[in-house]
Amino acid sequence: EFERIAAVNLKRQFPCALDTYAPKLKLYKCRGTGYGENMQTLLDELDGQTSDIVMHRKTVALKGLPLFLRVVDPKAVLRTCLTTDTEEKCTKDVKVAILTVLEDDRGVQCSPPDAVNFAIVLEENVVVEGISDLPSAFLLLFRLFYALNIEYPKEMKYSFEVIQKVFLGLGTTLSARVRCFKNKLLMS
């Protein structure tokens, strides 16, 4: 339905956009210390990665987006849990989230921890699980926002605006924050 109305193939367009913009991570690095400890940790994980660097770069690009856009608490939407945690514990008081499932306590101690899979939570319910990577989870969540006519969560409003209007080219009116980000991307 989305393809028919918007004339955009999300399965093709989103990965292509990530391939284009993920290498521009130097934008994050040049201001890494100015964005706090979370951004620095994310950048350190990127430097330490030795396998599947392309996918890891895409993941870091998406995780770093809310930090770069100065979102107060991106962990409200990008959550983690362990395979040993109960679903109720992971989804309690969650309106919208992408849940990264890590392998028990040993997975948390690894640097960076390896995700077993990803899941999407809406209104305290896991609606999609077993997603293989974070970019696919973002894409599925974006589709769900459209299909269910859900507003973007305020914690990730600008991140999803970047995905919608910069990465996918859907819409031309940008908020000041997103316009600034787009200009920095184009200049880097």
Protein backbone atom coordinates (compact mmCIF):
# COMPACT_ATOMS: atom_id res chain seq x y z
CA GLU A 1 0.00 0.00 0.00
CA PHE A 2 2.81 2.40 0.90
CA GLU A 3 4.52 1.84 -2.46
CA ARG A 4 1.29 2.47 -4.34
CA ILE A 5 0.56 5.78 -2.63
CA ALA A 6 4.06 7.18 -2.14
CA ALA A 7 5.60 5.65 -5.29
CA VAL A 8 8.66 4.66 -3.23
CA ASN A 9 9.94 1.12 -2.81
CA LEU A 10 11.02 1.17 0.85
CA LYS A 11 12.84 -2.16 0.65
CA ARG A 12 15.10 -0.76 -2.04
CA GLN A 13 15.24 2.95 -1.16
CA PHE A 14 16.03 2.72 2.57
CA PRO A 15 19.10 0.44 2.25
CA CYS A 16 20.36 2.56 -0.66
CA ALA A 17 19.99 5.71 1.45
CA LEU A 18 21.87 4.06 4.33
CA ASP A 19 24.61 2.99 1.92
CA THR A 20 24.89 6.62 0.83
CA TYR A 21 24.80 8.30 4.23
CA ALA A 22 26.44 5.77 6.59
CA PRO A 23 29.96 6.43 5.26
CA LYS A 24 29.51 10.06 6.27
CA LEU A 25 29.98 9.07 9.92
CA LYS A 26 32.90 11.47 10.08
CA LEU A 27 30.11 13.96 10.74
CA TYR A 28 29.52 12.16 14.07
CA LYS A 29 33.22 11.81 14.77
CA CYS A 30 34.11 15.47 14.25
CA ARG A 31 31.70 16.44 17.01
CA GLY A 32 31.72 13.18 19.02
CA THR A 33 32.86 14.69 22.31
CA GLY A 34 30.27 17.46 21.99
CA TYR A 35 27.46 14.91 22.04
CA GLY A 36 28.29 13.24 25.30
CA GLU A 37 29.38 9.88 26.55
CA ASN A 38 26.76 7.88 24.60
CA MET A 39 28.05 9.12 21.24
CA GLN A 40 31.66 8.50 22.23
CA THR A 41 30.79 4.93 23.31
CA LEU A 42 29.02 4.37 19.99
CA LEU A 43 32.02 5.67 18.04
CA ASP A 44 34.40 3.52 20.09
CA GLU A 45 32.26 0.47 19.20
CA LEU A 46 32.54 1.41 15.54
CA ASP A 47 36.33 1.57 15.75
CA GLY A 48 36.48 -1.80 17.53
CA GLN A 49 34.35 -3.67 15.00
CA THR A 50 36.27 -6.11 12.80
CA SER A 51 33.57 -8.17 11.07
CA ASP A 52 30.61 -7.09 8.94
CA ILE A 53 31.78 -3.50 9.03
CA VAL A 54 29.21 -2.27 6.48
CA MET A 55 26.23 -3.47 8.54
CA HIS A 56 27.83 -2.19 11.73
CA ARG A 57 28.36 1.23 10.12
CA LYS A 58 24.65 1.35 9.16
CA THR A 59 23.66 0.36 12.69
CA VAL A 60 25.88 3.03 14.24
CA ALA A 61 24.49 5.60 11.79
CA LEU A 62 20.95 4.84 12.95
CA LYS A 63 21.83 4.64 16.66
CA GLY A 64 23.81 7.89 16.43
CA LEU A 65 21.09 9.79 14.61
CA PRO A 66 19.03 10.67 17.72
CA LEU A 67 22.21 11.57 19.61
CA PHE A 68 23.42 13.85 16.82
CA LEU A 69 19.98 15.46 16.61
CA ARG A 70 20.17 16.09 20.36
CA VAL A 71 17.28 13.89 21.46
CA VAL A 72 16.97 13.88 25.23
CA ASP A 73 16.65 10.11 25.73
CA PRO A 74 16.94 7.89 22.65
CA LYS A 75 16.95 4.85 24.95
CA ALA A 76 13.22 5.43 25.38
CA VAL A 77 12.77 4.09 21.83
CA LEU A 78 16.00 2.13 21.26
CA ARG A 79 15.89 -0.35 24.13
CA THR A 80 17.88 -3.44 25.01
CA CYS A 81 17.02 -6.57 26.95
CA LEU A 82 18.51 -9.97 27.55
CA THR A 83 17.25 -13.29 26.21
CA THR A 84 16.67 -14.31 29.83
CA ASP A 85 14.41 -11.29 30.57
CA THR A 86 10.66 -11.80 30.53
CA GLU A 87 8.67 -10.12 27.78
CA GLU A 88 6.68 -8.23 30.42
CA LYS A 89 9.86 -6.74 31.90
CA CYS A 90 11.11 -5.66 28.46
CA THR A 91 7.84 -4.09 27.32
CA LYS A 92 6.52 -2.54 30.53
CA ASP A 93 5.40 1.09 29.98
CA VAL A 94 6.65 1.05 26.37
CA LYS A 95 4.54 2.89 23.84
CA VAL A 96 6.86 2.45 20.84
CA ALA A 97 10.33 0.87 20.79
CA ILE A 98 12.85 -1.13 18.84
CA LEU A 99 14.08 -3.78 21.23
CA THR A 100 17.59 -5.18 20.85
CA VAL A 101 17.73 -8.66 22.35
CA LEU A 102 21.18 -9.59 23.69
CA GLU A 103 22.45 -13.02 24.69
CA ASP A 104 22.28 -13.26 28.53
CA ASP A 105 24.77 -11.39 30.78
CA ARG A 106 27.78 -12.56 28.78
CA GLY A 107 26.53 -10.60 25.74
CA VAL A 108 26.39 -7.33 27.67
CA GLN A 109 30.02 -7.70 28.76
CA CYS A 110 31.26 -8.08 25.17
CA SER A 111 32.31 -4.89 23.47
CA PRO A 112 30.23 -4.27 21.42
CA PRO A 113 27.58 -6.74 22.55
CA ASP A 114 26.18 -8.99 19.81
CA ALA A 115 22.46 -8.76 19.23
CA VAL A 116 20.59 -12.05 18.96
CA ASN A 117 17.72 -10.32 17.16
CA PHE A 118 15.51 -7.26 17.21
CA ALA A 119 11.82 -6.78 17.94
CA ILE A 120 9.28 -4.00 17.60
CA VAL A 121 7.12 -3.08 20.57
CA LEU A 122 3.86 -1.13 20.29
CA GLU A 123 1.68 -0.39 23.31
CA GLU A 124 3.54 -2.87 25.57
CA ASN A 125 3.18 -5.71 23.02
CA VAL A 126 5.86 -7.25 20.84
CA VAL A 127 4.27 -7.00 17.39
CA VAL A 128 7.23 -8.18 15.27
CA GLU A 129 10.15 -10.25 16.51
CA GLY A 130 13.07 -12.13 15.07
CA ILE A 131 14.28 -9.19 12.96
CA SER A 132 17.86 -9.80 11.88
CA ASP A 133 19.33 -6.27 12.03
CA LEU A 134 18.64 -2.73 13.22
CA PRO A 135 18.17 -1.18 9.76
CA SER A 136 15.45 -3.76 9.00
CA ALA A 137 13.82 -3.01 12.35
CA PHE A 138 13.78 0.73 11.56
CA LEU A 139 12.26 0.00 8.17
CA LEU A 140 9.55 -2.21 9.65
CA LEU A 141 8.77 0.34 12.35
CA PHE A 142 8.52 3.08 9.72
CA ARG A 143 6.07 0.91 7.75
CA LEU A 144 4.02 0.28 10.89
CA PHE A 145 3.82 4.01 11.62
CA TYR A 146 2.38 4.49 8.16
CA ALA A 147 0.06 1.45 8.10
CA LEU A 148 -1.36 2.06 11.58
CA ASN A 149 -1.35 5.87 11.26
CA ILE A 150 0.78 6.31 14.38
CA GLU A 151 2.59 9.55 15.14
CA TYR A 152 6.34 9.39 15.60
CA PRO A 153 7.29 9.18 19.28
CA LYS A 154 8.52 12.58 20.47
CA GLU A 155 11.84 11.03 21.55
CA MET A 156 12.56 10.00 17.94
CA LYS A 157 10.55 12.58 16.02
CA TYR A 158 13.57 14.13 14.32
CA SER A 159 15.24 10.78 13.61
CA PHE A 160 12.17 9.52 11.77
CA GLU A 161 11.82 12.87 10.01
CA VAL A 162 15.38 12.39 8.73
CA ILE A 163 14.52 8.88 7.54
CA GLN A 164 11.30 10.06 5.89
CA LYS A 165 12.38 13.33 4.33
CA VAL A 166 16.16 13.05 3.85
CA PHE A 167 16.79 9.32 3.33
CA LEU A 168 13.54 8.47 1.51
CA GLY A 169 12.83 11.88 -0.05
CA LEU A 170 9.20 11.89 1.09
CA GLY A 171 8.24 15.50 1.70
CA THR A 172 10.09 18.75 1.32
CA THR A 173 9.20 20.76 4.42
CA LEU A 174 11.94 20.15 6.99
CA SER A 175 12.15 21.25 10.61
CA ALA A 176 15.09 23.55 11.35
CA ARG A 177 16.97 20.76 13.15
CA VAL A 178 16.59 18.31 10.27
CA ARG A 179 17.44 20.96 7.67
CA CYS A 180 20.67 21.71 9.55
CA PHE A 181 21.50 17.98 9.68
CA LYS A 182 20.80 17.58 5.96
CA ASN A 183 23.05 20.53 5.12
CA LYS A 184 25.87 19.03 7.23
CA LEU A 185 25.42 15.68 5.48
CA LEU A 186 25.60 17.28 2.06
CA MET A 187 28.70 19.27 2.99
CA SER A 188 30.62 16.28 4.40
